[in-house]
Amino acid sequence: MMAKHKTIDHEADIGLEVNGKTLEELFKNAASGLFSLLVDLKNVKPEVGKKLEIIGNGELLINFLNELLYLWDTEGFIPKDFSLRIENDRLTGNVIGGLFDPLRHTIKKEIKAVTYHEFSLTREKGICKARLILDV
């Protein structure tokens, strides 16, 4: 069975390798991988919905994850479930999640941004793969 995401060693930052059968699944798995490093996801309740519209030329995944980090930083929003559509260099969709509650959630690590350093996004044998470096 294909792993959805795994952390990889990197000098001062954290690396993340992500897999998905489709681009949409890859993006969902990347968000799940990113937020599993930030907070304990098991106590997140789907309480709040957000509409997403993100554009990018090749860096759409980085823009998407940095937009989710922005929502985390400004609102304490923790994504739980996604309905995404990716066409050309544009992502549209909805995300449902919860707001950070110190009584229910534990912060594991601070992540400042998803970087362009060593970024790759490829398709191999019908599987989408991405490699990301996270600035901590």
Protein backbone atom coordinates (compact mmCIF):
# COMPACT_ATOMS: atom_id res chain seq x y z
CA MET A 1 0.00 0.00 0.00
CA MET A 2 1.25 3.45 -0.91
CA ALA A 3 2.07 5.77 2.00
CA LYS A 4 0.12 9.04 1.86
CA HIS A 5 3.01 11.05 3.29
CA LYS A 6 6.23 10.65 5.31
CA THR A 7 8.75 12.99 6.87
CA ILE A 8 12.31 12.99 5.62
CA ASP A 9 15.52 14.21 7.25
CA HIS A 10 16.77 17.65 6.27
CA GLU A 11 19.50 19.82 7.82
CA ALA A 12 17.62 22.58 9.67
CA ASP A 13 14.13 22.20 8.26
CA ILE A 14 11.68 19.33 7.83
CA GLY A 15 11.20 17.49 4.57
CA LEU A 16 7.93 15.91 3.50
CA GLU A 17 7.38 13.40 0.72
CA VAL A 18 3.76 13.06 -0.41
CA ASN A 19 1.97 10.63 -2.73
CA GLY A 20 -1.46 10.55 -4.34
CA LYS A 21 -3.28 8.80 -7.18
CA THR A 22 -4.50 12.18 -8.46
CA LEU A 23 -3.29 15.76 -8.01
CA GLU A 24 -6.30 16.44 -5.78
CA GLU A 25 -5.42 13.46 -3.56
CA LEU A 26 -1.77 14.56 -3.46
CA PHE A 27 -2.82 18.05 -2.30
CA LYS A 28 -5.10 16.58 0.41
CA ASN A 29 -2.32 14.25 1.59
CA ALA A 30 0.17 17.13 1.62
CA ALA A 31 -2.15 19.22 3.78
CA SER A 32 -2.72 16.27 6.12
CA GLY A 33 1.03 15.64 6.34
CA LEU A 34 1.79 19.30 7.02
CA PHE A 35 -0.85 19.68 9.72
CA SER A 36 0.00 16.33 11.35
CA LEU A 37 3.39 17.93 12.12
CA LEU A 38 1.73 21.06 13.56
CA VAL A 39 -1.05 19.65 15.75
CA ASP A 40 -2.65 16.42 16.88
CA LEU A 41 -5.36 15.97 14.22
CA LYS A 42 -7.46 13.30 15.94
CA ASN A 43 -9.41 15.86 18.02
CA VAL A 44 -10.19 18.22 15.15
CA LYS A 45 -13.93 18.54 14.55
CA PRO A 46 -15.26 19.72 11.18
CA GLU A 47 -16.94 22.94 12.37
CA VAL A 48 -15.95 25.69 9.90
CA GLY A 49 -15.94 25.78 6.11
CA LYS A 50 -13.62 27.82 3.90
CA LYS A 51 -13.77 28.43 0.16
CA LEU A 52 -10.42 28.23 -1.63
CA GLU A 53 -9.26 29.71 -4.91
CA ILE A 54 -5.52 29.56 -5.51
CA ILE A 55 -3.45 30.15 -8.62
CA GLY A 56 0.13 29.18 -9.43
CA ASN A 57 2.45 28.18 -12.28
CA GLY A 58 3.99 24.95 -11.14
CA GLU A 59 4.04 26.07 -7.54
CA LEU A 60 0.30 25.61 -6.97
CA LEU A 61 0.97 23.03 -4.23
CA ILE A 62 3.26 25.43 -2.35
CA ASN A 63 0.71 28.27 -2.67
CA PHE A 64 -2.07 25.95 -1.43
CA LEU A 65 -0.12 24.81 1.64
CA ASN A 66 1.06 28.33 2.46
CA GLU A 67 -2.55 29.55 2.23
CA LEU A 68 -3.54 26.86 4.77
CA LEU A 69 -0.62 27.95 7.00
CA TYR A 70 -1.88 31.54 6.73
CA LEU A 71 -5.35 30.43 7.90
CA TRP A 72 -3.67 28.55 10.77
CA ASP A 73 -1.57 31.59 11.75
CA THR A 74 -4.38 34.15 11.52
CA GLU A 75 -7.44 32.15 12.65
CA GLY A 76 -6.16 28.95 14.25
CA PHE A 77 -7.90 27.06 11.44
CA ILE A 78 -7.03 23.34 11.20
CA PRO A 79 -8.15 21.67 7.94
CA LYS A 80 -9.88 18.31 8.23
CA ASP A 81 -11.60 17.47 4.93
CA PHE A 82 -11.29 18.79 1.38
CA SER A 83 -13.29 18.99 -1.81
CA LEU A 84 -10.77 20.20 -4.40
CA ARG A 85 -10.67 20.66 -8.15
CA ILE A 86 -7.42 21.40 -9.98
CA GLU A 87 -7.43 22.58 -13.58
CA ASN A 88 -4.39 24.01 -15.34
CA ASP A 89 -2.73 26.29 -12.75
CA ARG A 90 -5.85 26.89 -10.64
CA LEU A 91 -7.24 25.19 -7.55
CA THR A 92 -10.81 25.75 -6.42
CA GLY A 93 -12.75 24.01 -3.71
CA ASN A 94 -13.78 23.89 -0.10
CA VAL A 95 -12.07 22.87 3.09
CA ILE A 96 -13.82 22.01 6.34
CA GLY A 97 -11.98 22.05 9.63
CA GLY A 98 -11.90 23.21 13.19
CA LEU A 99 -10.49 26.12 15.12
CA PHE A 100 -7.60 25.60 17.51
CA ASP A 101 -8.76 24.96 21.07
CA PRO A 102 -5.97 24.55 23.66
CA LEU A 103 -8.27 22.24 25.67
CA ARG A 104 -8.61 19.81 22.73
CA HIS A 105 -5.49 20.33 20.60
CA THR A 106 -1.77 20.13 21.26
CA ILE A 107 0.69 22.11 19.16
CA LYS A 108 3.58 19.84 18.17
CA LYS A 109 5.82 22.14 16.14
CA GLU A 110 5.90 25.59 14.61
CA ILE A 111 6.11 25.68 10.82
CA LYS A 112 6.69 29.08 9.23
CA ALA A 113 6.32 28.25 5.53
CA VAL A 114 6.55 25.72 2.75
CA THR A 115 9.66 26.62 0.73
CA TYR A 116 10.72 26.31 -2.91
CA HIS A 117 13.99 24.67 -1.82
CA GLU A 118 14.31 21.16 -3.36
CA PHE A 119 10.62 21.26 -4.36
CA SER A 120 9.56 18.65 -6.90
CA LEU A 121 6.24 17.41 -8.24
CA THR A 122 6.27 14.41 -10.58
CA ARG A 123 4.10 11.61 -11.94
CA GLU A 124 5.57 8.12 -11.97
CA LYS A 125 3.60 5.04 -13.05
CA GLY A 126 0.25 6.75 -12.40
CA ILE A 127 1.26 8.10 -8.96
CA CYS A 128 1.72 11.81 -8.23
CA LYS A 129 4.70 12.48 -5.96
CA ALA A 130 5.88 15.66 -4.29
CA ARG A 131 8.88 16.58 -2.19
CA LEU A 132 8.58 19.63 0.07
CA ILE A 133 10.87 21.37 2.53
CA LEU A 134 9.19 23.10 5.48
CA ASP A 135 10.74 26.11 7.19
CA VAL A 136 10.53 25.57 10.96
